[in-house]
Full PDB file with SEQRES, HELIX, SHEET, SSBOND, CRYST1, ORIGX, SCALE, CONECT and MASTER records, all heavy atoms in Angstrom:
SEQRES   1 A   31  SER GLU PHE ALA MET ASP TRP GLY TYR ILE ALA THR GLU          
SEQRES   2 A   31  GLY ASN ARG LEU TYR GLY SER ALA VAL ARG GLN GLY THR          
SEQRES   3 A   31  SER TRP THR SER PHE                                          
SHEET    1 AA1 2 MET A   5  GLU A  13  0                                        
SHEET    2 AA1 2 ARG A  16  ARG A  23 -1                                        
CRYST1    1.000    1.000    1.000  90.00  90.00  90.00 P 1           1          
ORIGX1      1.000000  0.000000  0.000000        0.00000                         
ORIGX2      0.000000  1.000000  0.000000        0.00000                         
ORIGX3      0.000000  0.000000  1.000000        0.00000                         
SCALE1      1.000000  0.000000  0.000000        0.00000                         
SCALE2      0.000000  1.000000  0.000000        0.00000                         
SCALE3      0.000000  0.000000  1.000000        0.00000                         
ATOM      1  N   SER A   1      20.272 165.686 168.915  1.00  0.00           N  
ATOM      2  CA  SER A   1      21.508 165.368 168.370  1.00  0.00           C  
ATOM      3  C   SER A   1      22.620 165.688 169.258  1.00  0.00           C  
ATOM      4  O   SER A   1      22.510 166.682 169.988  1.00  0.00           O  
ATOM      5  CB  SER A   1      21.700 165.847 166.984  1.00  0.00           C  
ATOM      6  OG  SER A   1      23.058 165.599 166.486  1.00  0.00           O  
ATOM      7  N   GLU A   2      23.792 165.103 169.201  1.00  0.00           N  
ATOM      8  CA  GLU A   2      24.956 165.488 169.848  1.00  0.00           C  
ATOM      9  C   GLU A   2      25.661 166.575 169.188  1.00  0.00           C  
ATOM     10  O   GLU A   2      26.626 167.167 169.712  1.00  0.00           O  
ATOM     11  CB  GLU A   2      25.950 164.308 170.071  1.00  0.00           C  
ATOM     12  CG  GLU A   2      26.342 163.771 168.773  1.00  0.00           C  
ATOM     13  CD  GLU A   2      27.430 162.558 168.889  1.00  0.00           C  
ATOM     14  OE1 GLU A   2      28.471 162.664 169.432  1.00  0.00           O  
ATOM     15  OE2 GLU A   2      26.854 161.490 168.459  1.00  0.00           O  
ATOM     16  N   PHE A   3      25.203 167.003 167.958  1.00  0.00           N  
ATOM     17  CA  PHE A   3      25.958 167.959 167.186  1.00  0.00           C  
ATOM     18  C   PHE A   3      25.206 169.404 167.361  1.00  0.00           C  
ATOM     19  O   PHE A   3      23.915 169.349 167.151  1.00  0.00           O  
ATOM     20  CB  PHE A   3      26.002 167.511 165.780  1.00  0.00           C  
ATOM     21  CG  PHE A   3      26.830 166.209 165.582  1.00  0.00           C  
ATOM     22  CD1 PHE A   3      26.143 165.111 165.354  1.00  0.00           C  
ATOM     23  CD2 PHE A   3      28.181 166.168 165.441  1.00  0.00           C  
ATOM     24  CE1 PHE A   3      26.755 163.853 165.205  1.00  0.00           C  
ATOM     25  CE2 PHE A   3      28.889 165.123 165.242  1.00  0.00           C  
ATOM     26  CZ  PHE A   3      28.229 163.840 165.112  1.00  0.00           C  
ATOM     27  N   ALA A   4      25.973 170.421 167.471  1.00  0.00           N  
ATOM     28  CA  ALA A   4      25.473 171.756 167.251  1.00  0.00           C  
ATOM     29  C   ALA A   4      25.215 171.896 165.727  1.00  0.00           C  
ATOM     30  O   ALA A   4      25.788 171.367 164.943  1.00  0.00           O  
ATOM     31  CB  ALA A   4      26.333 172.789 167.891  1.00  0.00           C  
ATOM     32  N   MET A   5      24.213 172.835 165.537  1.00  0.00           N  
ATOM     33  CA  MET A   5      23.792 173.026 164.137  1.00  0.00           C  
ATOM     34  C   MET A   5      23.920 174.468 163.653  1.00  0.00           C  
ATOM     35  O   MET A   5      23.807 175.457 164.477  1.00  0.00           O  
ATOM     36  CB  MET A   5      22.319 172.585 163.895  1.00  0.00           C  
ATOM     37  CG  MET A   5      22.091 171.107 164.097  1.00  0.00           C  
ATOM     38  SD  MET A   5      22.893 170.159 162.864  1.00  0.00           S  
ATOM     39  CE  MET A   5      22.450 168.394 163.278  1.00  0.00           C  
ATOM     40  N   ASP A   6      24.153 174.646 162.456  1.00  0.00           N  
ATOM     41  CA  ASP A   6      24.143 175.905 161.686  1.00  0.00           C  
ATOM     42  C   ASP A   6      23.045 175.956 160.635  1.00  0.00           C  
ATOM     43  O   ASP A   6      22.474 174.945 160.373  1.00  0.00           O  
ATOM     44  CB  ASP A   6      25.571 176.170 160.878  1.00  0.00           C  
ATOM     45  CG  ASP A   6      26.683 176.384 161.832  1.00  0.00           C  
ATOM     46  OD1 ASP A   6      26.508 176.975 162.919  1.00  0.00           O  
ATOM     47  OD2 ASP A   6      27.821 176.206 161.345  1.00  0.00           O  
ATOM     48  N   TRP A   7      22.587 177.214 160.208  1.00  0.00           N  
ATOM     49  CA  TRP A   7      21.766 177.361 159.143  1.00  0.00           C  
ATOM     50  C   TRP A   7      22.396 176.849 157.936  1.00  0.00           C  
ATOM     51  O   TRP A   7      23.600 177.207 157.555  1.00  0.00           O  
ATOM     52  CB  TRP A   7      21.335 178.879 158.906  1.00  0.00           C  
ATOM     53  CG  TRP A   7      20.303 179.215 159.983  1.00  0.00           C  
ATOM     54  CD1 TRP A   7      20.626 179.633 161.289  1.00  0.00           C  
ATOM     55  CD2 TRP A   7      18.893 179.164 159.927  1.00  0.00           C  
ATOM     56  NE1 TRP A   7      19.352 180.037 161.817  1.00  0.00           N  
ATOM     57  CE2 TRP A   7      18.318 179.759 161.050  1.00  0.00           C  
ATOM     58  CE3 TRP A   7      17.932 178.962 158.916  1.00  0.00           C  
ATOM     59  CZ2 TRP A   7      17.033 179.919 161.335  1.00  0.00           C  
ATOM     60  CZ3 TRP A   7      16.709 179.091 159.101  1.00  0.00           C  
ATOM     61  CH2 TRP A   7      16.247 179.538 160.313  1.00  0.00           C  
ATOM     62  N   GLY A   8      21.615 176.144 157.080  1.00  0.00           N  
ATOM     63  CA  GLY A   8      22.016 175.687 155.704  1.00  0.00           C  
ATOM     64  C   GLY A   8      21.297 176.487 154.597  1.00  0.00           C  
ATOM     65  O   GLY A   8      21.431 177.675 154.368  1.00  0.00           O  
ATOM     66  N   TYR A   9      20.209 175.741 154.143  1.00  0.00           N  
ATOM     67  CA  TYR A   9      19.342 176.398 153.142  1.00  0.00           C  
ATOM     68  C   TYR A   9      18.460 177.377 153.760  1.00  0.00           C  
ATOM     69  O   TYR A   9      18.069 177.104 155.001  1.00  0.00           O  
ATOM     70  CB  TYR A   9      18.532 175.209 152.525  1.00  0.00           C  
ATOM     71  CG  TYR A   9      17.465 175.727 151.518  1.00  0.00           C  
ATOM     72  CD1 TYR A   9      17.684 175.991 150.171  1.00  0.00           C  
ATOM     73  CD2 TYR A   9      16.139 175.902 151.985  1.00  0.00           C  
ATOM     74  CE1 TYR A   9      16.671 176.425 149.345  1.00  0.00           C  
ATOM     75  CE2 TYR A   9      15.154 176.350 151.202  1.00  0.00           C  
ATOM     76  CZ  TYR A   9      15.444 176.596 149.836  1.00  0.00           C  
ATOM     77  OH  TYR A   9      14.386 176.903 148.919  1.00  0.00           O  
ATOM     78  N   ILE A  10      18.062 178.431 153.135  1.00  0.00           N  
ATOM     79  CA  ILE A  10      17.132 179.349 153.758  1.00  0.00           C  
ATOM     80  C   ILE A  10      16.267 180.050 152.690  1.00  0.00           C  
ATOM     81  O   ILE A  10      16.913 180.460 151.553  1.00  0.00           O  
ATOM     82  CB  ILE A  10      17.796 180.387 154.706  1.00  0.00           C  
ATOM     83  CG1 ILE A  10      16.531 181.312 155.306  1.00  0.00           C  
ATOM     84  CG2 ILE A  10      18.773 181.308 153.921  1.00  0.00           C  
ATOM     85  CD1 ILE A  10      17.212 182.069 156.423  1.00  0.00           C  
ATOM     86  N   ALA A  11      14.987 180.179 152.664  1.00  0.00           N  
ATOM     87  CA  ALA A  11      14.066 180.767 151.805  1.00  0.00           C  
ATOM     88  C   ALA A  11      12.734 181.111 152.445  1.00  0.00           C  
ATOM     89  O   ALA A  11      12.432 180.486 153.382  1.00  0.00           O  
ATOM     90  CB  ALA A  11      13.861 179.790 150.519  1.00  0.00           C  
ATOM     91  N   THR A  12      12.144 182.158 151.814  1.00  0.00           N  
ATOM     92  CA  THR A  12      10.766 182.446 152.328  1.00  0.00           C  
ATOM     93  C   THR A  12       9.867 182.327 151.135  1.00  0.00           C  
ATOM     94  O   THR A  12      10.101 182.658 150.097  1.00  0.00           O  
ATOM     95  CB  THR A  12      10.724 183.880 152.895  1.00  0.00           C  
ATOM     96  OG1 THR A  12      11.058 184.800 151.924  1.00  0.00           O  
ATOM     97  CG2 THR A  12      11.592 183.987 154.198  1.00  0.00           C  
ATOM     98  N   GLU A  13       8.528 181.994 151.421  1.00  0.00           N  
ATOM     99  CA  GLU A  13       7.446 181.967 150.580  1.00  0.00           C  
ATOM    100  C   GLU A  13       6.176 182.330 151.245  1.00  0.00           C  
ATOM    101  O   GLU A  13       5.892 181.552 152.151  1.00  0.00           O  
ATOM    102  CB  GLU A  13       7.285 180.614 149.669  1.00  0.00           C  
ATOM    103  CG  GLU A  13       6.290 180.743 148.624  1.00  0.00           C  
ATOM    104  CD  GLU A  13       6.285 179.596 147.637  1.00  0.00           C  
ATOM    105  OE1 GLU A  13       7.474 179.186 147.343  1.00  0.00           O  
ATOM    106  OE2 GLU A  13       5.304 179.201 147.217  1.00  0.00           O  
ATOM    107  N   GLY A  14       5.566 183.415 151.104  1.00  0.00           N  
ATOM    108  CA  GLY A  14       4.400 183.871 151.750  1.00  0.00           C  
ATOM    109  C   GLY A  14       4.796 184.182 153.238  1.00  0.00           C  
ATOM    110  O   GLY A  14       5.840 184.750 153.568  1.00  0.00           O  
ATOM    111  N   ASN A  15       4.064 183.416 154.126  1.00  0.00           N  
ATOM    112  CA  ASN A  15       4.372 183.659 155.600  1.00  0.00           C  
ATOM    113  C   ASN A  15       5.082 182.535 156.135  1.00  0.00           C  
ATOM    114  O   ASN A  15       5.045 182.270 157.347  1.00  0.00           O  
ATOM    115  CB  ASN A  15       3.065 183.764 156.306  1.00  0.00           C  
ATOM    116  CG  ASN A  15       2.218 182.519 156.291  1.00  0.00           C  
ATOM    117  OD1 ASN A  15       2.411 181.669 155.389  1.00  0.00           O  
ATOM    118  ND2 ASN A  15       1.231 182.374 157.262  1.00  0.00           N  
ATOM    119  N   ARG A  16       5.945 181.802 155.275  1.00  0.00           N  
ATOM    120  CA  ARG A  16       6.625 180.674 155.732  1.00  0.00           C  
ATOM    121  C   ARG A  16       8.122 180.847 155.505  1.00  0.00           C  
ATOM    122  O   ARG A  16       8.481 181.342 154.482  1.00  0.00           O  
ATOM    123  CB  ARG A  16       6.102 179.400 155.042  1.00  0.00           C  
ATOM    124  CG  ARG A  16       4.668 179.001 155.637  1.00  0.00           C  
ATOM    125  CD  ARG A  16       4.053 177.922 154.932  1.00  0.00           C  
ATOM    126  NE  ARG A  16       2.664 177.676 155.344  1.00  0.00           N  
ATOM    127  CZ  ARG A  16       2.279 176.729 156.063  1.00  0.00           C  
ATOM    128  NH1 ARG A  16       3.266 175.770 156.495  1.00  0.00           N  
ATOM    129  NH2 ARG A  16       1.059 176.592 156.429  1.00  0.00           N  
ATOM    130  N   LEU A  17       8.893 180.423 156.502  1.00  0.00           N  
ATOM    131  CA  LEU A  17      10.357 180.465 156.358  1.00  0.00           C  
ATOM    132  C   LEU A  17      10.940 179.052 156.271  1.00  0.00           C  
ATOM    133  O   LEU A  17      10.604 178.183 157.232  1.00  0.00           O  
ATOM    134  CB  LEU A  17      10.942 181.149 157.529  1.00  0.00           C  
ATOM    135  CG  LEU A  17      12.536 181.057 157.692  1.00  0.00           C  
ATOM    136  CD1 LEU A  17      13.134 181.899 156.685  1.00  0.00           C  
ATOM    137  CD2 LEU A  17      13.005 181.605 159.072  1.00  0.00           C  
ATOM    138  N   TYR A  18      11.539 178.646 155.173  1.00  0.00           N  
ATOM    139  CA  TYR A  18      12.042 177.288 154.967  1.00  0.00           C  
ATOM    140  C   TYR A  18      13.556 177.338 155.361  1.00  0.00           C  
ATOM    141  O   TYR A  18      14.236 178.296 155.005  1.00  0.00           O  
ATOM    142  CB  TYR A  18      11.782 176.804 153.738  1.00  0.00           C  
ATOM    143  CG  TYR A  18      10.325 176.615 153.321  1.00  0.00           C  
ATOM    144  CD1 TYR A  18       9.741 177.639 152.467  1.00  0.00           C  
ATOM    145  CD2 TYR A  18       9.587 175.519 153.700  1.00  0.00           C  
ATOM    146  CE1 TYR A  18       8.301 177.440 152.224  1.00  0.00           C  
ATOM    147  CE2 TYR A  18       8.271 175.391 153.352  1.00  0.00           C  
ATOM    148  CZ  TYR A  18       7.591 176.338 152.697  1.00  0.00           C  
ATOM    149  OH  TYR A  18       6.263 176.286 152.386  1.00  0.00           O  
ATOM    150  N   GLY A  19      14.014 176.281 155.967  1.00  0.00           N  
ATOM    151  CA  GLY A  19      15.403 176.287 156.420  1.00  0.00           C  
ATOM    152  C   GLY A  19      15.870 174.728 156.356  1.00  0.00           C  
ATOM    153  O   GLY A  19      15.132 173.749 156.403  1.00  0.00           O  
ATOM    154  N   SER A  20      17.205 174.671 156.600  1.00  0.00           N  
ATOM    155  CA  SER A  20      17.878 173.352 156.718  1.00  0.00           C  
ATOM    156  C   SER A  20      18.951 173.502 157.794  1.00  0.00           C  
ATOM    157  O   SER A  20      19.443 174.529 157.999  1.00  0.00           O  
ATOM    158  CB  SER A  20      18.361 172.661 155.532  1.00  0.00           C  
ATOM    159  OG  SER A  20      19.617 173.318 155.088  1.00  0.00           O  
ATOM    160  N   ALA A  21      19.176 172.353 158.563  1.00  0.00           N  
ATOM    161  CA  ALA A  21      20.167 172.478 159.665  1.00  0.00           C  
ATOM    162  C   ALA A  21      21.528 171.626 159.212  1.00  0.00           C  
ATOM    163  O   ALA A  21      21.276 170.464 158.836  1.00  0.00           O  
ATOM    164  CB  ALA A  21      19.514 171.825 160.971  1.00  0.00           C  
ATOM    165  N   VAL A  22      22.555 172.139 159.204  1.00  0.00           N  
ATOM    166  CA  VAL A  22      23.869 171.483 158.908  1.00  0.00           C  
ATOM    167  C   VAL A  22      24.675 171.518 160.098  1.00  0.00           C  
ATOM    168  O   VAL A  22      24.648 172.371 160.955  1.00  0.00           O  
ATOM    169  CB  VAL A  22      24.558 172.127 157.761  1.00  0.00           C  
ATOM    170  CG1 VAL A  22      23.693 172.198 156.543  1.00  0.00           C  
ATOM    171  CG2 VAL A  22      24.998 173.587 157.987  1.00  0.00           C  
ATOM    172  N   ARG A  23      25.405 170.458 160.301  1.00  0.00           N  
ATOM    173  CA  ARG A  23      26.368 170.368 161.454  1.00  0.00           C  
ATOM    174  C   ARG A  23      27.398 171.536 161.469  1.00  0.00           C  
ATOM    175  O   ARG A  23      27.971 171.932 160.525  1.00  0.00           O  
ATOM    176  CB  ARG A  23      27.056 169.013 161.461  1.00  0.00           C  
ATOM    177  CG  ARG A  23      26.118 167.862 161.575  1.00  0.00           C  
ATOM    178  CD  ARG A  23      26.756 166.600 161.749  1.00  0.00           C  
ATOM    179  NE  ARG A  23      25.788 165.427 161.790  1.00  0.00           N  
ATOM    180  CZ  ARG A  23      26.012 164.176 161.943  1.00  0.00           C  
ATOM    181  NH1 ARG A  23      27.286 163.770 162.034  1.00  0.00           N  
ATOM    182  NH2 ARG A  23      25.016 163.255 162.074  1.00  0.00           N  
ATOM    183  N   GLN A  24      27.472 172.124 162.679  1.00  0.00           N  
ATOM    184  CA  GLN A  24      28.329 173.305 162.768  1.00  0.00           C  
ATOM    185  C   GLN A  24      29.770 173.131 162.179  1.00  0.00           C  
ATOM    186  O   GLN A  24      30.388 172.139 162.456  1.00  0.00           O  
ATOM    187  CB  GLN A  24      28.432 173.607 164.219  1.00  0.00           C  
ATOM    188  CG  GLN A  24      28.617 175.082 164.526  1.00  0.00           C  
ATOM    189  CD  GLN A  24      28.552 175.335 165.952  1.00  0.00           C  
ATOM    190  OE1 GLN A  24      29.385 175.069 166.884  1.00  0.00           O  
ATOM    191  NE2 GLN A  24      27.345 175.923 166.304  1.00  0.00           N  
ATOM    192  N   GLY A  25      30.138 174.113 161.418  1.00  0.00           N  
ATOM    193  CA  GLY A  25      31.483 174.075 160.738  1.00  0.00           C  
ATOM    194  C   GLY A  25      31.462 173.224 159.519  1.00  0.00           C  
ATOM    195  O   GLY A  25      32.676 173.123 158.857  1.00  0.00           O  
ATOM    196  N   THR A  26      30.374 172.872 158.949  1.00  0.00           N  
ATOM    197  CA  THR A  26      30.345 172.184 157.763  1.00  0.00           C  
ATOM    198  C   THR A  26      30.428 172.958 156.513  1.00  0.00           C  
ATOM    199  O   THR A  26      31.158 172.619 155.538  1.00  0.00           O  
ATOM    200  CB  THR A  26      29.055 171.185 157.606  1.00  0.00           C  
ATOM    201  OG1 THR A  26      29.033 170.303 158.701  1.00  0.00           O  
ATOM    202  CG2 THR A  26      29.047 170.477 156.434  1.00  0.00           C  
ATOM    203  N   SER A  27      29.726 174.023 156.398  1.00  0.00           N  
ATOM    204  CA  SER A  27      29.634 174.829 155.237  1.00  0.00           C  
ATOM    205  C   SER A  27      30.995 175.379 154.765  1.00  0.00           C  
ATOM    206  O   SER A  27      31.770 175.609 155.619  1.00  0.00           O  
ATOM    207  CB  SER A  27      28.677 176.023 155.401  1.00  0.00           C  
ATOM    208  OG  SER A  27      27.372 175.560 155.649  1.00  0.00           O  
ATOM    209  N   TRP A  28      31.195 175.524 153.538  1.00  0.00           N  
ATOM    210  CA  TRP A  28      32.399 176.051 152.858  1.00  0.00           C  
ATOM    211  C   TRP A  28      32.455 177.531 153.220  1.00  0.00           C  
ATOM    212  O   TRP A  28      31.545 178.306 152.947  1.00  0.00           O  
ATOM    213  CB  TRP A  28      32.503 175.762 151.379  1.00  0.00           C  
ATOM    214  CG  TRP A  28      32.475 174.299 151.083  1.00  0.00           C  
ATOM    215  CD1 TRP A  28      31.547 173.559 150.427  1.00  0.00           C  
ATOM    216  CD2 TRP A  28      33.529 173.487 151.339  1.00  0.00           C  
ATOM    217  NE1 TRP A  28      31.904 172.314 150.364  1.00  0.00           N  
ATOM    218  CE2 TRP A  28      33.134 172.139 150.823  1.00  0.00           C  
ATOM    219  CE3 TRP A  28      34.783 173.471 151.892  1.00  0.00           C  
ATOM    220  CZ2 TRP A  28      33.911 171.024 150.835  1.00  0.00           C  
ATOM    221  CZ3 TRP A  28      35.629 172.404 151.951  1.00  0.00           C  
ATOM    222  CH2 TRP A  28      35.147 171.124 151.430  1.00  0.00           C  
ATOM    223  N   THR A  29      33.640 177.983 153.763  1.00  0.00           N  
ATOM    224  CA  THR A  29      33.785 179.339 153.939  1.00  0.00           C  
ATOM    225  C   THR A  29      35.001 179.997 153.426  1.00  0.00           C  
ATOM    226  O   THR A  29      35.166 181.234 153.359  1.00  0.00           O  
ATOM    227  CB  THR A  29      33.777 179.763 155.595  1.00  0.00           C  
ATOM    228  OG1 THR A  29      34.907 178.976 156.158  1.00  0.00           O  
ATOM    229  CG2 THR A  29      32.428 179.398 156.157  1.00  0.00           C  
ATOM    230  N   SER A  30      35.959 179.223 153.031  1.00  0.00           N  
ATOM    231  CA  SER A  30      37.301 179.686 152.479  1.00  0.00           C  
ATOM    232  C   SER A  30      37.210 179.716 150.983  1.00  0.00           C  
ATOM    233  O   SER A  30      36.797 178.681 150.338  1.00  0.00           O  
ATOM    234  CB  SER A  30      38.469 178.783 152.926  1.00  0.00           C  
ATOM    235  OG  SER A  30      39.555 179.183 152.321  1.00  0.00           O  
ATOM    236  N   PHE A  31      37.727 180.866 150.376  1.00  0.00           N  
ATOM    237  CA  PHE A  31      37.800 180.906 148.903  1.00  0.00           C  
ATOM    238  C   PHE A  31      39.048 181.335 148.405  1.00  0.00           C  
ATOM    239  O   PHE A  31      39.403 181.564 147.217  1.00  0.00           O  
ATOM    240  CB  PHE A  31      36.796 181.897 148.302  1.00  0.00           C  
ATOM    241  CG  PHE A  31      36.789 183.226 148.982  1.00  0.00           C  
ATOM    242  CD1 PHE A  31      37.707 184.233 148.490  1.00  0.00           C  
ATOM    243  CD2 PHE A  31      36.084 183.629 150.041  1.00  0.00           C  
ATOM    244  CE1 PHE A  31      37.773 185.470 149.040  1.00  0.00           C  
ATOM    245  CE2 PHE A  31      36.060 184.806 150.686  1.00  0.00           C  
ATOM    246  CZ  PHE A  31      36.894 185.819 150.163  1.00  0.00           C  
TER     247      PHE A  31                                                      
MASTER        0    0    0    0    2    0    0    6  246    1    0    3          
END                                                                             
């Protein structure tokens, strides 16, 4: 992809790490 990515979803179960990739700067950070 032409887009850089950030971590989105993240979880572990057993010996597996599940995650999702979101486009950089997408996640909400301001409250």
